[in-house]
């Protein structure tokens, strides 16, 4: 994961909610997956559709848990250099689920947009860059090396403690139970914040320089992800 952190910290994230309008066209996404990635991808996208259309009747906590489990179950970890043969790439949910591979950013992106479709407001979701202590989630020692990592944070209440959706572990845990993660900054459709603490202020004013995010949104719009 080699994202230009300085560029991200200088600007607010583009308004991604514009990508998701009323009456999301699942069938178009299924057809694209089949044509680009084959029958296995089509099957995965059908299962994704069936999950998301069932979620409006569920509680928010159930939606979060089920989307987290679905993405973790259907995506295998792969560095961008292996999956895409480039040093850094942000994949759309269609690309990640269709190919069945992605890095931590791709897991978080797929979960974020899936939950938006399922009706969870963007203000309750933040994609969050952290330093992750190796072995920490499994009860490793306090010391040890750390890696750059991305997770999705879900806030049951806007000012409350977030829950962490992590590609590295199966369950969704409150942030207080993830001392192995040190938040650096977080972002969603509305802005960018230092850390994940409630009440922090957004940083920057223009999204023009956030090329990775803009490219992601452009790809999604071109694929009819709206």
Protein backbone atom coordinates (compact mmCIF):
# COMPACT_ATOMS: atom_id res chain seq x y z
CA UNK A 1 0.00 0.00 0.00
CA UNK A 2 1.84 3.07 -1.25
CA UNK A 3 -0.67 5.90 -1.15
CA UNK A 4 0.60 9.46 -1.26
CA UNK A 5 -0.38 10.37 2.30
CA UNK A 6 0.68 13.98 1.96
CA UNK A 7 -1.69 14.51 -0.96
CA UNK A 8 -4.54 12.96 1.00
CA UNK A 9 -3.89 15.16 4.01
CA UNK A 10 -3.98 18.30 1.86
CA UNK A 11 -7.48 17.80 0.52
CA UNK A 12 -11.00 16.69 1.33
CA UNK A 13 -12.37 13.59 -0.28
CA UNK A 14 -14.73 13.98 -3.26
CA UNK A 15 -18.44 13.51 -2.65
CA UNK A 16 -18.84 9.84 -3.51
CA UNK A 17 -22.50 9.70 -2.62
CA UNK A 18 -23.24 11.13 -6.06
CA UNK A 19 -22.23 7.75 -7.47
CA UNK A 20 -25.10 6.05 -5.67
CA UNK A 21 -28.56 7.17 -6.70
CA UNK A 22 -31.95 5.60 -6.23
CA UNK A 23 -32.64 2.21 -7.83
CA UNK A 24 -29.13 0.78 -8.00
CA UNK A 25 -28.75 -1.36 -11.15
CA UNK A 26 -27.43 -4.67 -9.82
CA UNK A 27 -28.13 -6.50 -13.06
CA UNK A 28 -25.80 -4.26 -15.04
CA UNK A 29 -23.00 -4.92 -12.55
CA UNK A 30 -23.64 -8.67 -12.77
CA UNK A 31 -23.47 -8.56 -16.56
CA UNK A 32 -20.22 -6.59 -16.48
CA UNK A 33 -18.69 -9.05 -14.02
CA UNK A 34 -19.64 -11.99 -16.23
CA UNK A 35 -18.28 -10.41 -19.41
CA UNK A 36 -15.01 -9.28 -17.85
CA UNK A 37 -14.23 -11.95 -15.30
CA UNK A 38 -16.28 -15.04 -16.15
CA UNK A 39 -18.90 -17.25 -14.49
CA UNK A 40 -17.33 -17.30 -11.03
CA UNK A 41 -17.45 -13.52 -10.93
CA UNK A 42 -21.08 -13.55 -12.03
CA UNK A 43 -21.95 -15.95 -9.24
CA UNK A 44 -20.21 -13.75 -6.67
CA UNK A 45 -22.02 -10.65 -7.88
CA UNK A 46 -25.38 -12.45 -7.79
CA UNK A 47 -24.67 -13.39 -4.18
CA UNK A 48 -23.63 -9.78 -3.46
CA UNK A 49 -26.90 -8.52 -4.95
CA UNK A 50 -28.96 -11.03 -2.98
CA UNK A 51 -27.23 -9.97 0.22
CA UNK A 52 -27.64 -6.24 -0.30
CA UNK A 53 -31.31 -6.39 -1.33
CA UNK A 54 -32.02 -8.36 1.85
CA UNK A 55 -30.33 -5.89 4.20
CA UNK A 56 -32.82 -2.99 4.43
CA UNK A 57 -34.88 -5.14 6.81
CA UNK A 58 -31.85 -5.77 9.03
CA UNK A 59 -30.47 -3.58 11.80
CA UNK A 60 -27.46 -1.44 10.96
CA UNK A 61 -25.26 -3.67 13.08
CA UNK A 62 -26.41 -6.72 11.11
CA UNK A 63 -25.79 -4.94 7.81
CA UNK A 64 -22.27 -4.04 8.87
CA UNK A 65 -21.47 -7.54 10.08
CA UNK A 66 -22.89 -9.29 7.01
CA UNK A 67 -21.15 -7.00 4.51
CA UNK A 68 -17.87 -7.39 6.41
CA UNK A 69 -18.17 -11.17 6.39
CA UNK A 70 -19.17 -11.30 2.73
CA UNK A 71 -16.23 -9.27 1.48
CA UNK A 72 -13.73 -11.07 3.70
CA UNK A 73 -15.10 -14.44 2.56
CA UNK A 74 -15.07 -13.64 -1.17
CA UNK A 75 -11.79 -11.74 -1.52
CA UNK A 76 -8.26 -13.10 -1.11
CA UNK A 77 -5.48 -10.71 -0.19
CA UNK A 78 -3.06 -9.71 -2.94
CA UNK A 79 -0.69 -6.77 -3.24
CA UNK A 80 -1.36 -4.37 -6.10
CA UNK A 81 1.93 -5.38 -7.69
CA UNK A 82 0.58 -8.92 -7.99
CA UNK A 83 -3.11 -8.27 -8.68
CA UNK A 84 -2.71 -5.28 -11.01
CA UNK A 85 1.03 -5.16 -11.82
CA UNK A 86 1.28 -1.58 -10.59
CA UNK A 87 2.62 -0.17 -7.34
CA UNK A 88 -0.69 1.30 -6.15
CA UNK A 89 -4.24 0.80 -7.44
CA UNK A 90 -7.68 1.43 -5.96
CA UNK A 91 -10.11 -1.14 -7.34
CA UNK A 92 -13.85 -0.67 -7.69
CA UNK A 93 -16.15 -3.08 -5.85
CA UNK A 94 -16.87 -4.72 -9.22
CA UNK A 95 -13.16 -5.28 -9.84
CA UNK A 96 -12.46 -6.54 -6.33
CA UNK A 97 -15.42 -8.91 -6.10
CA UNK A 98 -15.21 -9.89 -9.76
CA UNK A 99 -11.57 -10.91 -9.57
CA UNK A 100 -11.78 -12.08 -5.97
CA UNK A 101 -8.52 -10.40 -4.97
CA UNK A 102 -7.49 -7.09 -3.44
CA UNK A 103 -5.37 -5.36 -0.85
CA UNK A 104 -6.57 -3.69 2.35
CA UNK A 105 -7.75 -0.57 0.51
CA UNK A 106 -9.86 -2.65 -1.87
CA UNK A 107 -11.52 -4.52 1.01
CA UNK A 108 -12.40 -1.21 2.69
CA UNK A 109 -13.69 0.37 -0.53
CA UNK A 110 -15.89 -2.64 -1.33
CA UNK A 111 -17.36 -2.61 2.18
CA UNK A 112 -17.88 1.16 2.17
CA UNK A 113 -19.86 1.27 -1.07
CA UNK A 114 -21.76 -1.92 -0.25
CA UNK A 115 -22.93 -0.39 3.02
CA UNK A 116 -23.93 2.83 1.27
CA UNK A 117 -26.09 0.78 -1.10
CA UNK A 118 -27.51 -1.04 1.94
CA UNK A 119 -28.63 2.27 3.39
CA UNK A 120 -25.95 3.08 5.96
CA UNK A 121 -25.29 6.86 5.81
CA UNK A 122 -21.81 7.95 4.78
CA UNK A 123 -21.49 10.02 7.97
CA UNK A 124 -21.36 6.73 9.90
CA UNK A 125 -18.58 5.26 7.77
CA UNK A 126 -14.94 6.25 7.43
CA UNK A 127 -12.17 4.58 5.52
CA UNK A 128 -9.27 4.82 7.93
CA UNK A 129 -5.52 4.58 7.46
CA UNK A 130 -3.77 3.08 10.46
CA UNK A 131 -0.47 1.70 11.61
CA UNK A 132 -1.16 -1.96 12.39
CA UNK A 133 1.12 -3.76 14.82
CA UNK A 134 1.96 -7.17 13.42
CA UNK A 135 0.37 -9.94 15.46
CA UNK A 136 -1.54 -7.44 17.58
CA UNK A 137 -5.09 -8.46 16.64
CA UNK A 138 -4.25 -12.04 17.57
CA UNK A 139 -2.91 -11.07 20.96
CA UNK A 140 0.69 -10.46 20.01
CA UNK A 141 3.16 -8.56 22.13
CA UNK A 142 2.96 -4.80 22.59
CA UNK A 143 6.24 -4.34 20.76
CA UNK A 144 7.06 -5.39 17.24
CA UNK A 145 6.95 -3.85 13.81
CA UNK A 146 4.00 -2.06 12.24
CA UNK A 147 2.64 -1.85 8.72
CA UNK A 148 0.55 0.75 6.91
CA UNK A 149 -2.99 -0.57 6.67
CA UNK A 150 -6.54 0.52 5.82
CA UNK A 151 -9.73 -0.48 7.62
CA UNK A 152 -13.33 0.69 7.52
CA UNK A 153 -14.66 2.33 10.68
CA UNK A 154 -18.39 2.19 11.40
CA UNK A 155 -19.90 4.63 13.90
CA UNK A 156 -23.21 3.41 15.43
CA UNK A 157 -23.59 7.03 16.54
CA UNK A 158 -21.71 9.85 14.88
CA UNK A 159 -19.97 10.88 18.11
CA UNK A 160 -19.55 7.39 19.58
CA UNK A 161 -16.86 4.75 19.50
CA UNK A 162 -16.33 3.23 16.04
CA UNK A 163 -16.33 -0.45 15.20
CA UNK A 164 -13.54 -1.69 12.96
CA UNK A 165 -14.07 -3.75 9.79
CA UNK A 166 -10.64 -5.23 9.08
CA UNK A 167 -9.57 -7.49 6.24
CA UNK A 168 -7.17 -9.21 8.64
CA UNK A 169 -9.75 -10.57 11.10
CA UNK A 170 -13.18 -12.15 10.80
CA UNK A 171 -15.14 -10.31 13.48
CA UNK A 172 -16.12 -6.65 13.84
CA UNK A 173 -14.66 -5.20 17.04
CA UNK A 174 -14.96 -1.84 18.79
CA UNK A 175 -11.89 0.33 18.39
CA UNK A 176 -11.12 -0.03 22.10
CA UNK A 177 -10.51 -3.74 21.46
CA UNK A 178 -8.01 -2.99 18.69
CA UNK A 179 -5.03 -1.50 20.54
CA UNK A 180 -2.85 -2.87 17.75
CA UNK A 181 -4.20 -0.16 15.43
CA UNK A 182 -3.01 3.45 15.58
CA UNK A 183 -5.24 5.71 13.43
CA UNK A 184 -3.49 8.19 11.16
CA UNK A 185 -6.39 9.75 9.27
CA UNK A 186 -9.84 8.82 8.00
CA UNK A 187 -12.10 9.91 5.17
CA UNK A 188 -15.52 9.41 3.60
CA UNK A 189 -17.79 11.14 1.11
CA UNK A 190 -17.93 14.25 3.28
CA UNK A 191 -14.33 14.98 4.21
CA UNK A 192 -11.05 13.95 5.75
CA UNK A 193 -10.09 13.84 9.43
CA UNK A 194 -6.92 13.33 11.42
CA UNK A 195 -7.40 10.07 13.33
CA UNK A 196 -10.86 8.66 14.01
CA UNK A 197 -11.78 10.47 17.21
CA UNK A 198 -15.27 12.01 17.18
CA UNK A 199 -15.28 15.77 16.96
CA UNK A 200 -12.05 16.08 14.99
CA UNK A 201 -12.08 18.62 12.21
CA UNK A 202 -11.62 18.00 8.54
CA UNK A 203 -8.45 19.01 6.79
CA UNK A 204 -8.03 20.74 3.45
CA UNK A 205 -10.55 22.30 1.09
CA UNK A 206 -10.15 20.96 -2.45
CA UNK A 207 -10.46 17.45 -3.84
CA UNK A 208 -8.85 18.20 -7.19
CA UNK A 209 -5.52 16.69 -6.21
CA UNK A 210 -6.83 13.43 -4.82
CA UNK A 211 -6.24 11.55 -8.05
CA UNK A 212 -6.64 8.02 -6.71
CA UNK A 213 -10.11 8.73 -5.32
CA UNK A 214 -11.17 10.73 -8.36
CA UNK A 215 -10.02 7.93 -10.66
CA UNK A 216 -11.94 5.38 -8.59
CA UNK A 217 -15.16 7.40 -8.75
CA UNK A 218 -14.70 7.97 -12.49
CA UNK A 219 -14.30 4.21 -13.10
CA UNK A 220 -17.40 3.46 -11.06
CA UNK A 221 -19.47 6.03 -12.90
CA UNK A 222 -18.24 4.72 -16.27
CA UNK A 223 -19.42 1.26 -15.21
CA UNK A 224 -22.86 2.59 -14.28
CA UNK A 225 -22.26 2.26 -10.54
CA UNK A 226 -25.01 4.74 -9.70
